[in-house]
Amino acid sequence: MTFTQLEIFAKVAELGGFTAAAEQLGISQSAVSHALRLLEKEWGVTLLSRKQSNIEVTEVGRNLLIRVRELLGVSEAIRQEVAALRGLSRGVLRIGSFGPSSSLWLLPRILDQFQKEHPAIKILVEEADDDDVVDWVLERRVDVGFVVLPEERLDTMPLVEDQLVALLPADHPLARKRAVGLPELCESPFIMKIVEGGVSAAEKSLASANLRPAITHRYSQIITIIKSVENGDGVSLISDLALSDQVMSLCPGVIKKPLTPAVRRSVGLAVLSLKHASPAAHAFLKTAKALAATLRKP
């Protein structure tokens, strides 16, 4: 067993194919296949199910993948610490982000400053739903992730307070109000954001209030939801951080209103363990903390 074999296994599992993994690792597809065959032979298990259209990780492979990523994370942390001792600032930082709230509002501002301070650190970003990002941090697929707080399983650092806001057609009767209550919002046809494999913040808030709106449309993309509201298909409930001024300007026929009472949530960064986090992850957290006051949406 070599670290190269483990890295190849983790990359194939992440990308779901030999060709994509070979391209990212800069080696041939045959080298990828050979390394995995040797690893499976040495361990005496089947790590991957090789189907005609794609590659899937077996149940045994998924269990071992957690340990493999842990070893690779420790190895990367050691490399970074050695580089720091030699006066260098090199390494790789894998970041998990969720949707427009972090990917369009928080991450770009933090990354801009971080890359000015640490230009030699390679950044890799993956996006998923917030629940998936938590799983990625737990599995060491990413070094640091944007998460909704609280999250007791991880070491976390709060960044900003977010809130849900109502989206209404400009000519909707509720558009004249200063703030909108959830019960009155549910009196109109409802457009719900889809969260693959999970539950959206809007659904959680409505369920907590024992409200069941008449959902007529379900969409995964924020811009589709906003456009549907503008078309008069219904109303919606979206995170304020996800609604940038640029996005809202594309649909001038949509009004956003705060809720009464307000429905707030805290967004922050998380690592599996501050004690064992890599120097690059610590540096990213330090940069984010220094910028936290400027990340709040006006």
C-alpha atoms as a PDB file:
ATOM      1  CA  MET A   1       0.000   0.000   0.000  1.00  0.00           C
ATOM      2  CA  THR A   2       1.327   3.427  -0.981  1.00  0.00           C
ATOM      3  CA  PHE A   3       0.003   6.941  -0.510  1.00  0.00           C
ATOM      4  CA  THR A   4      -0.179   7.219  -4.302  1.00  0.00           C
ATOM      5  CA  GLN A   5      -2.566   4.255  -4.425  1.00  0.00           C
ATOM      6  CA  LEU A   6      -4.685   5.788  -1.668  1.00  0.00           C
ATOM      7  CA  GLU A   7      -4.774   9.129  -3.464  1.00  0.00           C
ATOM      8  CA  ILE A   8      -5.865   7.415  -6.686  1.00  0.00           C
ATOM      9  CA  PHE A   9      -8.597   5.483  -4.867  1.00  0.00           C
ATOM     10  CA  ALA A  10      -9.919   8.660  -3.213  1.00  0.00           C
ATOM     11  CA  LYS A  11      -9.882  10.599  -6.492  1.00  0.00           C
ATOM     12  CA  VAL A  12     -11.710   7.863  -8.453  1.00  0.00           C
ATOM     13  CA  ALA A  13     -14.315   7.642  -5.680  1.00  0.00           C
ATOM     14  CA  GLU A  14     -14.743  11.431  -5.718  1.00  0.00           C
ATOM     15  CA  LEU A  15     -15.059  11.805  -9.500  1.00  0.00           C
ATOM     16  CA  GLY A  16     -16.778   8.497 -10.258  1.00  0.00           C
ATOM     17  CA  GLY A  17     -14.488   7.466 -13.091  1.00  0.00           C
ATOM     18  CA  PHE A  18     -10.961   6.433 -14.089  1.00  0.00           C
ATOM     19  CA  THR A  19     -10.606   8.940 -16.940  1.00  0.00           C
ATOM     20  CA  ALA A  20     -11.523  12.003 -14.868  1.00  0.00           C
ATOM     21  CA  ALA A  21      -9.260  10.873 -12.022  1.00  0.00           C
ATOM     22  CA  ALA A  22      -6.357  10.276 -14.399  1.00  0.00           C
ATOM     23  CA  GLU A  23      -6.757  13.754 -15.914  1.00  0.00           C
ATOM     24  CA  GLN A  24      -6.777  15.461 -12.518  1.00  0.00           C
ATOM     25  CA  LEU A  25      -3.825  13.435 -11.234  1.00  0.00           C
ATOM     26  CA  GLY A  26      -1.834  13.885 -14.443  1.00  0.00           C
ATOM     27  CA  ILE A  27      -1.314  10.157 -15.075  1.00  0.00           C
ATOM     28  CA  SER A  28      -2.626   7.627 -17.597  1.00  0.00           C
ATOM     29  CA  GLN A  29      -5.920   5.798 -17.195  1.00  0.00           C
ATOM     30  CA  SER A  30      -4.064   2.488 -17.296  1.00  0.00           C
ATOM     31  CA  ALA A  31      -1.907   3.638 -14.363  1.00  0.00           C
ATOM     32  CA  VAL A  32      -5.059   4.403 -12.388  1.00  0.00           C
ATOM     33  CA  SER A  33      -6.556   0.987 -13.136  1.00  0.00           C
ATOM     34  CA  HIS A  34      -3.287  -0.799 -12.322  1.00  0.00           C
ATOM     35  CA  ALA A  35      -2.863   0.990  -8.973  1.00  0.00           C
ATOM     36  CA  LEU A  36      -6.392   0.105  -7.898  1.00  0.00           C
ATOM     37  CA  ARG A  37      -6.071  -3.529  -8.935  1.00  0.00           C
ATOM     38  CA  LEU A  38      -2.898  -3.828  -6.851  1.00  0.00           C
ATOM     39  CA  LEU A  39      -4.589  -2.175  -3.872  1.00  0.00           C
ATOM     40  CA  GLU A  40      -7.611  -4.484  -4.082  1.00  0.00           C
ATOM     41  CA  LYS A  41      -5.319  -7.514  -4.414  1.00  0.00           C
ATOM     42  CA  GLU A  42      -3.240  -6.487  -1.398  1.00  0.00           C
ATOM     43  CA  TRP A  43      -6.299  -5.831   0.780  1.00  0.00           C
ATOM     44  CA  GLY A  44      -8.261  -8.790  -0.559  1.00  0.00           C
ATOM     45  CA  VAL A  45     -11.427  -6.739  -1.076  1.00  0.00           C
ATOM     46  CA  THR A  46     -13.366  -5.141  -3.930  1.00  0.00           C
ATOM     47  CA  LEU A  47     -13.252  -1.368  -3.592  1.00  0.00           C
ATOM     48  CA  LEU A  48     -15.044  -0.373  -6.783  1.00  0.00           C
ATOM     49  CA  SER A  49     -17.952  -1.764  -8.751  1.00  0.00           C
ATOM     50  CA  ARG A  50     -16.936  -1.377 -12.405  1.00  0.00           C
ATOM     51  CA  LYS A  51     -20.090  -0.853 -14.440  1.00  0.00           C
ATOM     52  CA  GLN A  52     -20.273  -0.022 -18.114  1.00  0.00           C
ATOM     53  CA  SER A  53     -21.459   3.550 -17.665  1.00  0.00           C
ATOM     54  CA  ASN A  54     -19.820   4.514 -14.381  1.00  0.00           C
ATOM     55  CA  ILE A  55     -17.783   3.482 -11.352  1.00  0.00           C
ATOM     56  CA  GLU A  56     -19.386   3.028  -7.936  1.00  0.00           C
ATOM     57  CA  VAL A  57     -17.680   2.549  -4.575  1.00  0.00           C
ATOM     58  CA  THR A  58     -18.690  -0.690  -2.860  1.00  0.00           C
ATOM     59  CA  GLU A  59     -19.935  -0.766   0.722  1.00  0.00           C
ATOM     60  CA  VAL A  60     -16.520  -2.058   1.846  1.00  0.00           C
ATOM     61  CA  GLY A  61     -14.874   0.682  -0.198  1.00  0.00           C
ATOM     62  CA  ARG A  62     -17.034   3.401   1.404  1.00  0.00           C
ATOM     63  CA  ASN A  63     -16.036   2.233   4.882  1.00  0.00           C
ATOM     64  CA  LEU A  64     -12.349   2.181   4.002  1.00  0.00           C
ATOM     65  CA  LEU A  65     -12.586   5.498   2.127  1.00  0.00           C
ATOM     66  CA  ILE A  66     -13.189   7.329   5.399  1.00  0.00           C
ATOM     67  CA  ARG A  67      -9.847   6.048   6.746  1.00  0.00           C
ATOM     68  CA  VAL A  68      -8.098   6.677   3.446  1.00  0.00           C
ATOM     69  CA  ARG A  69      -9.175  10.321   3.418  1.00  0.00           C
ATOM     70  CA  GLU A  70      -8.108  10.624   7.049  1.00  0.00           C
ATOM     71  CA  LEU A  71      -4.613   9.357   6.172  1.00  0.00           C
ATOM     72  CA  LEU A  72      -4.366  11.644   3.151  1.00  0.00           C
ATOM     73  CA  GLY A  73      -5.499  14.600   5.267  1.00  0.00           C
ATOM     74  CA  VAL A  74      -2.844  13.892   7.884  1.00  0.00           C
ATOM     75  CA  SER A  75      -0.218  13.505   5.152  1.00  0.00           C
ATOM     76  CA  GLU A  76      -1.158  16.863   3.628  1.00  0.00           C
ATOM     77  CA  ALA A  77      -1.101  18.519   7.057  1.00  0.00           C
ATOM     78  CA  ILE A  78       2.414  17.164   7.673  1.00  0.00           C
ATOM     79  CA  ARG A  79       3.599  18.479   4.289  1.00  0.00           C
ATOM     80  CA  GLN A  80       2.174  21.899   5.079  1.00  0.00           C
ATOM     81  CA  GLU A  81       3.712  21.990   8.548  1.00  0.00           C
ATOM     82  CA  VAL A  82       7.119  21.037   7.135  1.00  0.00           C
ATOM     83  CA  ALA A  83       6.756  23.765   4.519  1.00  0.00           C
ATOM     84  CA  ALA A  84       5.831  26.266   7.246  1.00  0.00           C
ATOM     85  CA  LEU A  85       8.922  25.322   9.242  1.00  0.00           C
ATOM     86  CA  ARG A  86      11.022  25.944   6.140  1.00  0.00           C
ATOM     87  CA  GLY A  87       9.427  29.356   5.677  1.00  0.00           C
ATOM     88  CA  LEU A  88       7.209  28.287   2.782  1.00  0.00           C
ATOM     89  CA  SER A  89       3.435  28.576   2.386  1.00  0.00           C
ATOM     90  CA  ARG A  90       2.403  25.754   0.113  1.00  0.00           C
ATOM     91  CA  GLY A  91      -0.258  23.081   0.091  1.00  0.00           C
ATOM     92  CA  VAL A  92      -3.814  22.313  -0.952  1.00  0.00           C
ATOM     93  CA  LEU A  93      -6.997  23.551   0.716  1.00  0.00           C
ATOM     94  CA  ARG A  94     -10.264  21.758  -0.083  1.00  0.00           C
ATOM     95  CA  ILE A  95     -13.363  23.857   0.656  1.00  0.00           C
ATOM     96  CA  GLY A  96     -16.981  22.727   0.794  1.00  0.00           C
ATOM     97  CA  SER A  97     -19.588  25.361  -0.026  1.00  0.00           C
ATOM     98  CA  PHE A  98     -23.386  25.316  -0.174  1.00  0.00           C
ATOM     99  CA  GLY A  99     -25.447  27.183  -2.742  1.00  0.00           C
ATOM    100  CA  PRO A 100     -25.586  30.911  -3.402  1.00  0.00           C
ATOM    101  CA  SER A 101     -25.512  31.831   0.304  1.00  0.00           C
ATOM    102  CA  SER A 102     -21.881  30.852   0.675  1.00  0.00           C
ATOM    103  CA  SER A 103     -20.716  30.296  -2.915  1.00  0.00           C
ATOM    104  CA  LEU A 104     -21.792  33.698  -4.249  1.00  0.00           C
ATOM    105  CA  TRP A 105     -21.723  35.891  -1.149  1.00  0.00           C
ATOM    106  CA  LEU A 106     -19.253  34.632   1.466  1.00  0.00           C
ATOM    107  CA  LEU A 107     -16.653  32.508  -0.314  1.00  0.00           C
ATOM    108  CA  PRO A 108     -15.535  34.992  -3.015  1.00  0.00           C
ATOM    109  CA  ARG A 109     -14.834  37.711  -0.445  1.00  0.00           C
ATOM    110  CA  ILE A 110     -12.831  35.403   1.795  1.00  0.00           C
ATOM    111  CA  LEU A 111     -10.953  33.735  -1.063  1.00  0.00           C
ATOM    112  CA  ASP A 112      -9.964  37.068  -2.596  1.00  0.00           C
ATOM    113  CA  GLN A 113      -8.148  38.109   0.585  1.00  0.00           C
ATOM    114  CA  PHE A 114      -6.855  34.613   1.365  1.00  0.00           C
ATOM    115  CA  GLN A 115      -5.200  34.200  -2.025  1.00  0.00           C
ATOM    116  CA  LYS A 116      -3.540  37.587  -1.679  1.00  0.00           C
ATOM    117  CA  GLU A 117      -2.055  36.441   1.626  1.00  0.00           C
ATOM    118  CA  HIS A 118      -1.271  32.856   0.536  1.00  0.00           C
ATOM    119  CA  PRO A 119      -0.822  32.811  -3.249  1.00  0.00           C
ATOM    120  CA  ALA A 120       1.047  29.471  -3.276  1.00  0.00           C
ATOM    121  CA  ILE A 121      -1.809  27.486  -1.689  1.00  0.00           C
ATOM    122  CA  LYS A 122      -3.905  25.632  -4.246  1.00  0.00           C
ATOM    123  CA  ILE A 123      -7.649  26.005  -3.693  1.00  0.00           C
ATOM    124  CA  LEU A 124     -10.189  23.299  -4.563  1.00  0.00           C
ATOM    125  CA  VAL A 125     -13.890  24.119  -4.094  1.00  0.00           C
ATOM    126  CA  GLU A 126     -16.853  21.728  -4.200  1.00  0.00           C
ATOM    127  CA  GLU A 127     -20.491  22.734  -3.813  1.00  0.00           C
ATOM    128  CA  ALA A 128     -23.391  20.749  -2.382  1.00  0.00           C
ATOM    129  CA  ASP A 129     -26.322  21.211  -0.002  1.00  0.00           C
ATOM    130  CA  ASP A 130     -25.409  22.250   3.553  1.00  0.00           C
ATOM    131  CA  ASP A 131     -26.092  18.760   4.976  1.00  0.00           C
ATOM    132  CA  ASP A 132     -23.770  17.217   2.388  1.00  0.00           C
ATOM    133  CA  VAL A 133     -21.001  19.681   3.225  1.00  0.00           C
ATOM    134  CA  VAL A 134     -21.191  18.586   6.862  1.00  0.00           C
ATOM    135  CA  ASP A 135     -20.783  14.976   5.727  1.00  0.00           C
ATOM    136  CA  TRP A 136     -17.814  15.945   3.557  1.00  0.00           C
ATOM    137  CA  VAL A 137     -16.052  17.533   6.530  1.00  0.00           C
ATOM    138  CA  LEU A 138     -16.777  14.466   8.678  1.00  0.00           C
ATOM    139  CA  GLU A 139     -15.419  12.195   5.936  1.00  0.00           C
ATOM    140  CA  ARG A 140     -12.366  14.456   5.334  1.00  0.00           C
ATOM    141  CA  ARG A 141     -13.394  14.949   1.727  1.00  0.00           C
ATOM    142  CA  VAL A 142     -12.906  18.670   2.383  1.00  0.00           C
ATOM    143  CA  ASP A 143     -10.683  20.430   4.912  1.00  0.00           C
ATOM    144  CA  VAL A 144     -13.101  23.216   5.758  1.00  0.00           C
ATOM    145  CA  GLY A 145     -16.756  23.757   4.960  1.00  0.00           C
ATOM    146  CA  PHE A 146     -19.464  26.398   5.165  1.00  0.00           C
ATOM    147  CA  VAL A 147     -22.222  25.076   7.439  1.00  0.00           C
ATOM    148  CA  VAL A 148     -25.408  26.153   9.139  1.00  0.00           C
ATOM    149  CA  LEU A 149     -24.833  26.423  12.890  1.00  0.00           C
ATOM    150  CA  PRO A 150     -25.025  24.923  15.407  1.00  0.00           C
ATOM    151  CA  GLU A 151     -23.205  21.766  14.349  1.00  0.00           C
ATOM    152  CA  GLU A 152     -22.043  19.855  17.405  1.00  0.00           C
ATOM    153  CA  ARG A 153     -20.094  17.176  15.524  1.00  0.00           C
ATOM    154  CA  LEU A 154     -17.526  19.668  14.209  1.00  0.00           C
ATOM    155  CA  ASP A 155     -15.318  22.483  15.429  1.00  0.00           C
ATOM    156  CA  THR A 156     -17.002  25.614  14.117  1.00  0.00           C
ATOM    157  CA  MET A 157     -16.560  29.360  13.818  1.00  0.00           C
ATOM    158  CA  PRO A 158     -19.600  31.636  13.261  1.00  0.00           C
ATOM    159  CA  LEU A 159     -19.393  34.128  10.415  1.00  0.00           C
ATOM    160  CA  VAL A 160     -22.728  35.829   9.704  1.00  0.00           C
ATOM    161  CA  GLU A 161     -26.364  35.837  10.692  1.00  0.00           C
ATOM    162  CA  ASP A 162     -28.697  35.072   7.819  1.00  0.00           C
ATOM    163  CA  GLN A 163     -32.496  35.231   7.655  1.00  0.00           C
ATOM    164  CA  LEU A 164     -35.290  33.887   5.500  1.00  0.00           C
ATOM    165  CA  VAL A 165     -37.212  36.436   3.462  1.00  0.00           C
ATOM    166  CA  ALA A 166     -40.493  36.240   1.560  1.00  0.00           C
ATOM    167  CA  LEU A 167     -40.414  36.617  -2.217  1.00  0.00           C
ATOM    168  CA  LEU A 168     -43.565  38.151  -3.669  1.00  0.00           C
ATOM    169  CA  PRO A 169     -44.777  39.382  -7.055  1.00  0.00           C
ATOM    170  CA  ALA A 170     -44.653  43.179  -7.047  1.00  0.00           C
ATOM    171  CA  ASP A 171     -48.446  43.385  -7.382  1.00  0.00           C
ATOM    172  CA  HIS A 172     -49.163  40.888  -4.578  1.00  0.00           C
ATOM    173  CA  PRO A 173     -51.299  42.331  -1.715  1.00  0.00           C
ATOM    174  CA  LEU A 174     -48.593  41.394   0.834  1.00  0.00           C
ATOM    175  CA  ALA A 175     -46.008  43.430  -1.096  1.00  0.00           C
ATOM    176  CA  ARG A 176     -47.428  46.580   0.520  1.00  0.00           C
ATOM    177  CA  LYS A 177     -46.644  45.343   4.031  1.00  0.00           C
ATOM    178  CA  ARG A 178     -43.419  46.121   5.887  1.00  0.00           C
ATOM    179  CA  ALA A 179     -43.033  42.485   7.023  1.00  0.00           C
ATOM    180  CA  VAL A 180     -44.869  39.242   6.273  1.00  0.00           C
ATOM    181  CA  GLY A 181     -45.972  36.461   8.606  1.00  0.00           C
ATOM    182  CA  LEU A 182     -45.500  32.829   7.641  1.00  0.00           C
ATOM    183  CA  PRO A 183     -49.216  31.981   8.001  1.00  0.00           C
ATOM    184  CA  GLU A 184     -50.326  34.711   5.599  1.00  0.00           C
ATOM    185  CA  LEU A 185     -47.545  33.775   3.171  1.00  0.00           C
ATOM    186  CA  CYS A 186     -48.919  30.224   3.073  1.00  0.00           C
ATOM    187  CA  GLU A 187     -52.304  31.493   1.897  1.00  0.00           C
ATOM    188  CA  SER A 188     -50.861  31.862  -1.628  1.00  0.00           C
ATOM    189  CA  PRO A 189     -49.594  29.158  -4.009  1.00  0.00           C
ATOM    190  CA  PHE A 190     -46.070  28.291  -2.874  1.00  0.00           C
ATOM    191  CA  ILE A 191     -42.854  27.799  -4.848  1.00  0.00           C
ATOM    192  CA  MET A 192     -40.463  25.553  -2.891  1.00  0.00           C
ATOM    193  CA  LYS A 193     -36.730  25.196  -3.338  1.00  0.00           C
ATOM    194  CA  ILE A 194     -35.622  21.606  -3.875  1.00  0.00           C
ATOM    195  CA  VAL A 195     -32.727  20.285  -1.808  1.00  0.00           C
ATOM    196  CA  GLU A 196     -31.522  16.994  -3.227  1.00  0.00           C
ATOM    197  CA  GLY A 197     -31.456  14.340  -0.524  1.00  0.00           C
ATOM    198  CA  GLY A 198     -32.335  16.821   2.208  1.00  0.00           C
ATOM    199  CA  VAL A 199     -34.777  19.416   3.498  1.00  0.00           C
ATOM    200  CA  SER A 200     -34.550  23.110   2.647  1.00  0.00           C
ATOM    201  CA  ALA A 201     -34.378  25.847   5.265  1.00  0.00           C
ATOM    202  CA  ALA A 202     -37.845  27.005   4.157  1.00  0.00           C
ATOM    203  CA  GLU A 203     -39.350  23.543   4.640  1.00  0.00           C
ATOM    204  CA  LYS A 204     -37.764  23.222   8.088  1.00  0.00           C
ATOM    205  CA  SER A 205     -39.136  26.617   9.172  1.00  0.00           C
ATOM    206  CA  LEU A 206     -42.640  25.907   7.876  1.00  0.00           C
ATOM    207  CA  ALA A 207     -42.686  22.470   9.524  1.00  0.00           C
ATOM    208  CA  SER A 208     -41.580  24.015  12.843  1.00  0.00           C
ATOM    209  CA  ALA A 209     -44.538  26.393  12.601  1.00  0.00           C
ATOM    210  CA  ASN A 210     -46.898  23.504  11.721  1.00  0.00           C
ATOM    211  CA  LEU A 211     -47.650  25.123   8.372  1.00  0.00           C
ATOM    212  CA  ARG A 212     -48.312  23.244   5.151  1.00  0.00           C
ATOM    213  CA  PRO A 213     -48.423  25.577   2.172  1.00  0.00           C
ATOM    214  CA  ALA A 214     -49.997  24.554  -1.125  1.00  0.00           C
ATOM    215  CA  ILE A 215     -46.821  23.842  -3.090  1.00  0.00           C
ATOM    216  CA  THR A 216     -47.422  24.225  -6.814  1.00  0.00           C
ATOM    217  CA  HIS A 217     -43.842  24.462  -8.077  1.00  0.00           C
ATOM    218  CA  ARG A 218     -40.529  22.933  -6.965  1.00  0.00           C
ATOM    219  CA  TYR A 219     -37.228  24.203  -8.366  1.00  0.00           C
ATOM    220  CA  SER A 220     -33.576  23.695  -7.511  1.00  0.00           C
ATOM    221  CA  GLN A 221     -32.230  26.956  -8.967  1.00  0.00           C
ATOM    222  CA  ILE A 222     -32.694  30.278  -7.156  1.00  0.00           C
ATOM    223  CA  ILE A 223     -32.993  32.280 -10.376  1.00  0.00           C
ATOM    224  CA  THR A 224     -35.779  29.944 -11.587  1.00  0.00           C
ATOM    225  CA  ILE A 225     -37.672  30.488  -8.333  1.00  0.00           C
ATOM    226  CA  ILE A 226     -37.342  34.271  -8.581  1.00  0.00           C
ATOM    227  CA  LYS A 227     -38.487  34.273 -12.200  1.00  0.00           C
ATOM    228  CA  SER A 228     -41.444  32.047 -11.344  1.00  0.00           C
ATOM    229  CA  VAL A 229     -42.460  34.469  -8.577  1.00  0.00           C
ATOM    230  CA  GLU A 230     -42.175  37.359 -11.031  1.00  0.00           C
ATOM    231  CA  ASN A 231     -44.437  35.477 -13.426  1.00  0.00           C
ATOM    232  CA  GLY A 232     -47.089  35.319 -10.712  1.00  0.00           C
ATOM    233  CA  ASP A 233     -46.879  31.547 -10.183  1.00  0.00           C
ATOM    234  CA  GLY A 234     -46.745  31.952  -6.415  1.00  0.00           C
ATOM    235  CA  VAL A 235     -44.677  33.150  -3.479  1.00  0.00           C
ATOM    236  CA  SER A 236     -41.525  31.707  -1.965  1.00  0.00           C
ATOM    237  CA  LEU A 237     -39.235  31.692   1.047  1.00  0.00           C
ATOM    238  CA  ILE A 238     -35.482  32.042   0.457  1.00  0.00           C
ATOM    239  CA  SER A 239     -32.314  32.799   2.410  1.00  0.00           C
ATOM    240  CA  ASP A 240     -31.463  36.493   2.180  1.00  0.00           C
ATOM    241  CA  LEU A 241     -27.774  35.729   1.587  1.00  0.00           C
ATOM    242  CA  ALA A 242     -28.764  33.800  -1.545  1.00  0.00           C
ATOM    243  CA  LEU A 243     -30.445  36.891  -3.027  1.00  0.00           C
ATOM    244  CA  SER A 244     -27.656  39.089  -4.296  1.00  0.00           C
ATOM    245  CA  ASP A 245     -28.484  42.509  -5.716  1.00  0.00           C
ATOM    246  CA  GLN A 246     -27.315  41.318  -9.142  1.00  0.00           C
ATOM    247  CA  VAL A 247     -29.714  38.360  -9.090  1.00  0.00           C
ATOM    248  CA  MET A 248     -32.647  40.441  -7.868  1.00  0.00           C
ATOM    249  CA  SER A 249     -32.006  43.074 -10.541  1.00  0.00           C
ATOM    250  CA  LEU A 250     -32.719  40.448 -13.206  1.00  0.00           C
ATOM    251  CA  CYS A 251     -36.334  40.235 -12.009  1.00  0.00           C
ATOM    252  CA  PRO A 252     -37.579  43.742 -11.148  1.00  0.00           C
ATOM    253  CA  GLY A 253     -41.112  42.413 -10.733  1.00  0.00           C
ATOM    254  CA  VAL A 254     -40.181  40.626  -7.500  1.00  0.00           C
ATOM    255  CA  ILE A 255     -40.277  42.126  -4.009  1.00  0.00           C
ATOM    256  CA  LYS A 256     -38.556  40.617  -0.980  1.00  0.00           C
ATOM    257  CA  LYS A 257     -39.923  41.221   2.503  1.00  0.00           C
ATOM    258  CA  PRO A 258     -38.605  40.299   5.956  1.00  0.00           C
ATOM    259  CA  LEU A 259     -40.614  37.877   8.043  1.00  0.00           C
ATOM    260  CA  THR A 260     -42.389  38.657  11.281  1.00  0.00           C
ATOM    261  CA  PRO A 261     -41.306  37.177  13.538  1.00  0.00           C
ATOM    262  CA  ALA A 262     -37.901  36.916  11.901  1.00  0.00           C
ATOM    263  CA  VAL A 263     -36.575  33.454  11.019  1.00  0.00           C
ATOM    264  CA  ARG A 264     -32.816  33.608  11.418  1.00  0.00           C
ATOM    265  CA  ARG A 265     -29.961  31.165  11.033  1.00  0.00           C
ATOM    266  CA  SER A 266     -26.233  31.372  11.680  1.00  0.00           C
ATOM    267  CA  VAL A 267     -23.727  30.484   8.960  1.00  0.00           C
ATOM    268  CA  GLY A 268     -20.144  29.644   9.760  1.00  0.00           C
ATOM    269  CA  LEU A 269     -17.101  27.583   8.906  1.00  0.00           C
ATOM    270  CA  ALA A 270     -16.334  24.115  10.212  1.00  0.00           C
ATOM    271  CA  VAL A 271     -13.381  21.749  10.405  1.00  0.00           C
ATOM    272  CA  LEU A 272     -13.303  18.228  11.740  1.00  0.00           C
ATOM    273  CA  SER A 273     -10.873  19.207  14.494  1.00  0.00           C
ATOM    274  CA  LEU A 274      -9.111  22.493  15.133  1.00  0.00           C
ATOM    275  CA  LYS A 275      -6.340  20.586  16.871  1.00  0.00           C
ATOM    276  CA  HIS A 276      -5.586  18.513  13.771  1.00  0.00           C
ATOM    277  CA  ALA A 277      -6.506  21.005  11.043  1.00  0.00           C
ATOM    278  CA  SER A 278      -3.837  21.760   8.442  1.00  0.00           C
ATOM    279  CA  PRO A 279      -1.940  25.074   8.451  1.00  0.00           C
ATOM    280  CA  ALA A 280      -3.839  26.078   5.296  1.00  0.00           C
ATOM    281  CA  ALA A 281      -7.185  25.451   7.009  1.00  0.00           C
ATOM    282  CA  HIS A 282      -6.097  27.455  10.058  1.00  0.00           C
ATOM    283  CA  ALA A 283      -4.983  30.290   7.775  1.00  0.00           C
ATOM    284  CA  PHE A 284      -8.339  30.263   5.968  1.00  0.00           C
ATOM    285  CA  LEU A 285     -10.218  30.432   9.267  1.00  0.00           C
ATOM    286  CA  LYS A 286      -7.990  33.319  10.392  1.00  0.00           C
ATOM    287  CA  THR A 287      -8.699  35.257   7.197  1.00  0.00           C
ATOM    288  CA  ALA A 288     -12.434  34.596   7.451  1.00  0.00           C
ATOM    289  CA  LYS A 289     -12.512  35.714  11.087  1.00  0.00           C
ATOM    290  CA  ALA A 290     -10.746  38.968  10.219  1.00  0.00           C
ATOM    291  CA  LEU A 291     -13.311  39.645   7.464  1.00  0.00           C
ATOM    292  CA  ALA A 292     -16.399  38.528   9.387  1.00  0.00           C
ATOM    293  CA  ALA A 293     -17.626  42.060  10.101  1.00  0.00           C
ATOM    294  CA  THR A 294     -17.527  42.949   6.398  1.00  0.00           C
ATOM    295  CA  LEU A 295     -19.434  39.832   5.325  1.00  0.00           C
ATOM    296  CA  ARG A 296     -22.729  40.917   6.829  1.00  0.00           C
ATOM    297  CA  LYS A 297     -25.272  41.811   4.202  1.00  0.00           C
ATOM    298  CA  PRO A 298     -26.443  45.448   4.406  1.00  0.00           C
END
